[in-house]
Amino acid sequence: MSTRHCMKNILLVEDDKSLNRGISFKLSKEGYKVFSAKTVEEAWKIFNNNNVDLILLDVGLPDGDGFDFCSEVRKKSNVLIIFLTACDQETDIVTGLDLGADDYIVKPFSLMVLMSKINALLRRNSSEEYGERLSSGDIVFSVKDMKVFKNHKELVLSKTELKLLKYLMDNAKQIITKEQLLSQLWDVEGNFVDQNTIAVNIRRLREKIEDMPSQPKYIKNIRGIGYMWIEGCVKG
């Protein structure tokens, strides 16, 4: 079975300089590696010379058409594609999806909504492509049966701790804000989880997975922001 690191590469193809800069900044802040292109020619050079996990693709470009680019990409790759379009006409949306796009978003859009779409697609794709196992250091997370092992010994974690651990490992080496955790984590009954609950679960999780919880090897506090899983993570 093939393995792959959690770091994700995104190709942004958008000729509007201000929008390109804004999206690139947001993606980089969220921990993604961003390749920026403003033309079809630039996009092809980047795509052919780099390992790209997802393409954010504008429809109207100075030297070509986003639909044509999508069609050509689909002849050689199953890379995830999200269309960025100023048109909300049903025919344009249907055209993009028929050509093999995975999703679309209509301008003007919220960067939070865009990030939600990107994260959802990448999570779904990771599950389908890499199977049901996350490995980092001496920690192995068997997603299929929701069991965690440290040095081949099973750890007993609560459902909230399991969900928290999986989210951190899925986003290894990326700063995860407290707000992101609040939006991702809730208890099994769907009740609200506050920041204090997250802090408590982080502490309990450290006590179970760290050799020295006071000097964590895996979960690092990012003062005033949130947390980071600081070890590399392999899916497969």
Protein backbone atom coordinates (compact mmCIF):
# COMPACT_ATOMS: atom_id res chain seq x y z
CA MET A 1 0.00 0.00 0.00
CA SER A 2 1.36 3.43 -0.93
CA THR A 3 2.02 6.07 1.71
CA ARG A 4 1.85 9.82 1.57
CA HIS A 5 2.56 12.69 3.92
CA CYS A 6 -0.30 14.80 5.28
CA MET A 7 1.01 18.02 3.71
CA LYS A 8 -1.28 19.11 0.87
CA ASN A 9 -0.37 21.08 -2.26
CA ILE A 10 -2.96 23.36 -3.87
CA LEU A 11 -2.74 24.93 -7.33
CA LEU A 12 -4.64 28.22 -7.49
CA VAL A 13 -5.47 29.39 -11.02
CA GLU A 14 -6.97 32.89 -10.75
CA ASP A 15 -6.08 35.99 -12.82
CA ASP A 16 -7.59 38.54 -10.42
CA LYS A 17 -4.45 39.66 -8.57
CA SER A 18 -6.25 40.78 -5.41
CA LEU A 19 -8.34 37.62 -5.13
CA ASN A 20 -5.33 35.44 -5.94
CA ARG A 21 -3.31 37.12 -3.22
CA GLY A 22 -6.13 36.87 -0.66
CA ILE A 23 -6.82 33.17 -1.29
CA SER A 24 -3.10 32.34 -1.36
CA PHE A 25 -2.57 34.08 1.98
CA LYS A 26 -5.49 32.24 3.59
CA LEU A 27 -4.39 28.85 2.28
CA SER A 28 -0.81 29.39 3.43
CA LYS A 29 -2.04 30.49 6.86
CA GLU A 30 -4.05 27.26 7.10
CA GLY A 31 -0.90 25.23 6.45
CA TYR A 32 -1.25 24.39 2.76
CA LYS A 33 1.51 24.78 0.19
CA VAL A 34 0.17 27.06 -2.54
CA PHE A 35 1.22 27.21 -6.19
CA SER A 36 -0.21 30.35 -7.78
CA ALA A 37 -0.95 30.82 -11.49
CA LYS A 38 -2.71 33.63 -13.35
CA THR A 39 -2.80 32.01 -16.80
CA VAL A 40 -3.44 28.58 -18.32
CA GLU A 41 0.19 28.46 -19.48
CA GLU A 42 1.49 29.03 -15.94
CA ALA A 43 -0.98 26.49 -14.57
CA TRP A 44 0.22 23.78 -16.93
CA LYS A 45 3.87 24.39 -16.04
CA ILE A 46 3.10 24.10 -12.34
CA PHE A 47 0.79 21.10 -12.72
CA ASN A 48 3.28 19.15 -14.85
CA ASN A 49 6.20 19.77 -12.51
CA ASN A 50 4.65 19.39 -9.07
CA ASN A 51 2.55 16.96 -7.06
CA VAL A 52 -0.80 18.76 -6.79
CA ASP A 53 -3.60 17.53 -4.49
CA LEU A 54 -6.29 20.05 -5.42
CA ILE A 55 -6.86 22.75 -8.07
CA LEU A 56 -8.84 25.95 -7.47
CA LEU A 57 -9.74 26.94 -11.01
CA ASP A 58 -11.18 30.20 -12.34
CA VAL A 59 -13.37 29.85 -15.45
CA GLY A 60 -12.29 32.97 -17.36
CA LEU A 61 -8.52 33.30 -17.85
CA PRO A 62 -6.47 35.66 -20.08
CA ASP A 63 -5.13 32.94 -22.37
CA GLY A 64 -7.81 30.28 -22.23
CA ASP A 65 -10.84 28.74 -20.60
CA GLY A 66 -11.00 27.01 -17.23
CA PHE A 67 -13.43 24.45 -18.64
CA ASP A 68 -10.92 23.45 -21.33
CA PHE A 69 -8.12 23.22 -18.75
CA CYS A 70 -10.30 20.99 -16.54
CA SER A 71 -11.14 18.76 -19.49
CA GLU A 72 -7.47 18.29 -20.40
CA VAL A 73 -6.44 17.67 -16.78
CA ARG A 74 -9.11 14.99 -16.46
CA LYS A 75 -7.53 13.06 -19.37
CA LYS A 76 -4.47 12.44 -17.23
CA SER A 77 -5.37 12.94 -13.57
CA ASN A 78 -8.06 12.50 -10.92
CA VAL A 79 -6.78 15.50 -8.94
CA LEU A 80 -9.52 17.31 -7.00
CA ILE A 81 -10.89 20.40 -8.82
CA ILE A 82 -13.03 23.23 -7.46
CA PHE A 83 -14.26 25.87 -9.92
CA LEU A 84 -14.20 29.54 -8.92
CA THR A 85 -16.81 31.25 -11.06
CA ALA A 86 -18.52 34.62 -11.28
CA CYS A 87 -21.42 32.94 -13.04
CA ASP A 88 -24.19 31.36 -11.01
CA GLN A 89 -26.08 30.19 -14.07
CA GLU A 90 -27.09 26.58 -13.84
CA THR A 91 -25.58 25.77 -17.25
CA ASP A 92 -22.10 26.89 -16.16
CA ILE A 93 -22.32 24.87 -12.95
CA VAL A 94 -23.52 21.78 -14.81
CA THR A 95 -20.79 22.20 -17.44
CA GLY A 96 -18.07 22.26 -14.80
CA LEU A 97 -19.40 19.22 -12.98
CA ASP A 98 -19.92 17.32 -16.24
CA LEU A 99 -16.28 17.95 -17.15
CA GLY A 100 -15.22 16.24 -13.92
CA ALA A 101 -14.99 19.04 -11.37
CA ASP A 102 -15.57 17.95 -7.77
CA ASP A 103 -17.22 21.16 -6.59
CA TYR A 104 -17.73 24.83 -7.40
CA ILE A 105 -18.10 28.12 -5.56
CA VAL A 106 -19.70 31.30 -6.93
CA LYS A 107 -18.01 34.69 -6.56
CA PRO A 108 -18.14 36.64 -4.38
CA PHE A 109 -17.60 34.01 -1.72
CA SER A 110 -16.49 33.77 1.88
CA LEU A 111 -12.97 32.43 2.41
CA MET A 112 -14.33 30.41 5.33
CA VAL A 113 -16.83 28.70 3.01
CA LEU A 114 -14.07 28.03 0.48
CA MET A 115 -11.84 26.53 3.19
CA SER A 116 -14.73 24.34 4.34
CA LYS A 117 -15.17 22.97 0.81
CA ILE A 118 -11.43 22.37 0.40
CA ASN A 119 -11.08 20.61 3.76
CA ALA A 120 -14.15 18.44 3.15
CA LEU A 121 -12.91 17.29 -0.27
CA LEU A 122 -9.40 16.55 0.97
CA ARG A 123 -10.71 14.60 3.98
CA ARG A 124 -13.00 12.53 1.77
CA ASN A 125 -10.25 11.91 -0.75
CA SER A 126 -7.74 10.92 1.94
CA SER A 127 -10.16 8.34 3.31
CA GLU A 128 -10.82 6.88 -0.14
CA GLU A 129 -7.23 6.92 -1.38
CA TYR A 130 -5.13 6.01 1.60
CA GLY A 131 -7.22 3.52 3.42
CA GLU A 132 -7.87 3.56 7.12
CA ARG A 133 -4.60 4.06 8.96
CA LEU A 134 -2.62 7.05 10.27
CA SER A 135 0.94 6.59 11.52
CA SER A 136 3.10 9.11 13.37
CA GLY A 137 6.13 8.22 15.45
CA ASP A 138 5.11 5.33 17.70
CA ILE A 139 1.38 6.18 17.35
CA VAL A 140 -0.85 4.25 14.93
CA PHE A 141 -4.52 5.23 14.48
CA SER A 142 -6.66 2.51 12.89
CA VAL A 143 -9.54 4.62 11.55
CA LYS A 144 -11.61 1.69 10.35
CA ASP A 145 -12.22 0.37 13.86
CA MET A 146 -11.34 3.64 15.70
CA LYS A 147 -8.51 2.15 17.74
CA VAL A 148 -5.20 3.78 18.69
CA PHE A 149 -1.95 1.98 19.42
CA LYS A 150 1.29 3.20 20.97
CA ASN A 151 4.25 0.86 20.51
CA HIS A 152 1.71 -1.82 19.45
CA LYS A 153 -0.24 -1.48 22.71
CA GLU A 154 -3.86 -0.30 22.44
CA LEU A 155 -4.75 2.95 24.22
CA VAL A 156 -8.17 3.56 25.75
CA LEU A 157 -9.52 6.88 24.47
CA SER A 158 -12.93 8.51 24.78
CA LYS A 159 -14.93 9.27 21.62
CA THR A 160 -14.07 12.95 21.92
CA GLU A 161 -10.38 12.15 22.38
CA LEU A 162 -10.46 9.89 19.32
CA LYS A 163 -12.08 12.60 17.23
CA LEU A 164 -9.60 15.19 18.48
CA LEU A 165 -6.61 12.93 17.82
CA LYS A 166 -7.75 12.09 14.30
CA TYR A 167 -8.25 15.75 13.41
CA LEU A 168 -4.80 16.69 14.72
CA MET A 169 -3.11 13.81 12.87
CA ASP A 170 -5.04 14.52 9.66
CA ASN A 171 -3.62 18.05 9.81
CA ALA A 172 -0.13 17.23 11.04
CA LYS A 173 2.38 20.10 11.10
CA GLN A 174 -0.40 22.63 10.57
CA ILE A 175 -1.47 25.12 13.24
CA ILE A 176 -5.02 24.26 14.31
CA THR A 177 -6.84 27.20 15.89
CA LYS A 178 -9.19 26.79 18.81
CA GLU A 179 -11.97 28.01 16.53
CA GLN A 180 -11.23 25.24 14.03
CA LEU A 181 -11.39 22.65 16.78
CA LEU A 182 -14.66 24.09 18.05
CA SER A 183 -16.15 23.79 14.56
CA GLN A 184 -14.93 20.21 14.14
CA LEU A 185 -15.51 18.70 17.55
CA TRP A 186 -18.68 18.10 19.48
CA ASP A 187 -19.82 15.37 21.77
CA VAL A 188 -21.72 12.33 20.49
CA GLU A 189 -25.09 13.91 21.36
CA GLY A 190 -24.23 17.00 19.35
CA ASN A 191 -23.93 19.24 22.40
CA PHE A 192 -21.78 22.36 22.30
CA VAL A 193 -18.13 21.95 23.22
CA ASP A 194 -16.38 25.05 24.59
CA GLN A 195 -12.68 25.93 24.64
CA ASN A 196 -12.30 24.71 28.22
CA THR A 197 -13.61 21.28 27.19
CA ILE A 198 -11.05 21.18 24.38
CA ALA A 199 -8.24 22.13 26.77
CA VAL A 200 -9.30 19.36 29.16
CA ASN A 201 -9.38 16.79 26.34
CA ILE A 202 -5.99 17.93 25.05
CA ARG A 203 -4.55 17.43 28.53
CA ARG A 204 -6.11 13.97 28.87
CA LEU A 205 -4.96 13.01 25.39
CA ARG A 206 -1.40 14.08 26.21
CA GLU A 207 -1.44 11.97 29.36
CA LYS A 208 -2.31 8.91 27.27
CA ILE A 209 -0.09 9.34 24.20
CA GLU A 210 2.95 11.29 25.44
CA ASP A 211 5.90 9.70 27.24
CA MET A 212 6.34 13.00 29.13
CA PRO A 213 3.11 15.07 28.98
CA SER A 214 4.91 18.14 30.39
CA GLN A 215 7.36 17.95 27.47
CA PRO A 216 5.07 16.87 24.61
CA LYS A 217 6.52 15.18 21.55
CA TYR A 218 3.26 15.24 19.58
CA ILE A 219 0.82 17.97 20.63
CA LYS A 220 2.34 21.44 20.92
CA ASN A 221 0.58 24.50 22.35
CA ILE A 222 0.67 27.49 20.00
CA ARG A 223 0.29 30.30 22.50
CA GLY A 224 -2.87 32.33 22.02
CA ILE A 225 -3.85 30.43 18.86
CA GLY A 226 -4.33 26.71 19.34
CA TYR A 227 -2.36 23.50 18.84
CA MET A 228 -0.16 21.63 16.38
CA TRP A 229 0.64 17.95 15.84
CA ILE A 230 4.38 18.45 15.41
CA GLU A 231 5.42 14.98 14.22
CA GLY A 232 5.13 13.96 10.58
CA CYS A 233 2.11 11.83 9.72
CA VAL A 234 1.78 9.15 7.06
CA LYS A 235 -1.52 7.87 5.73
CA GLY A 236 -1.73 4.41 4.29
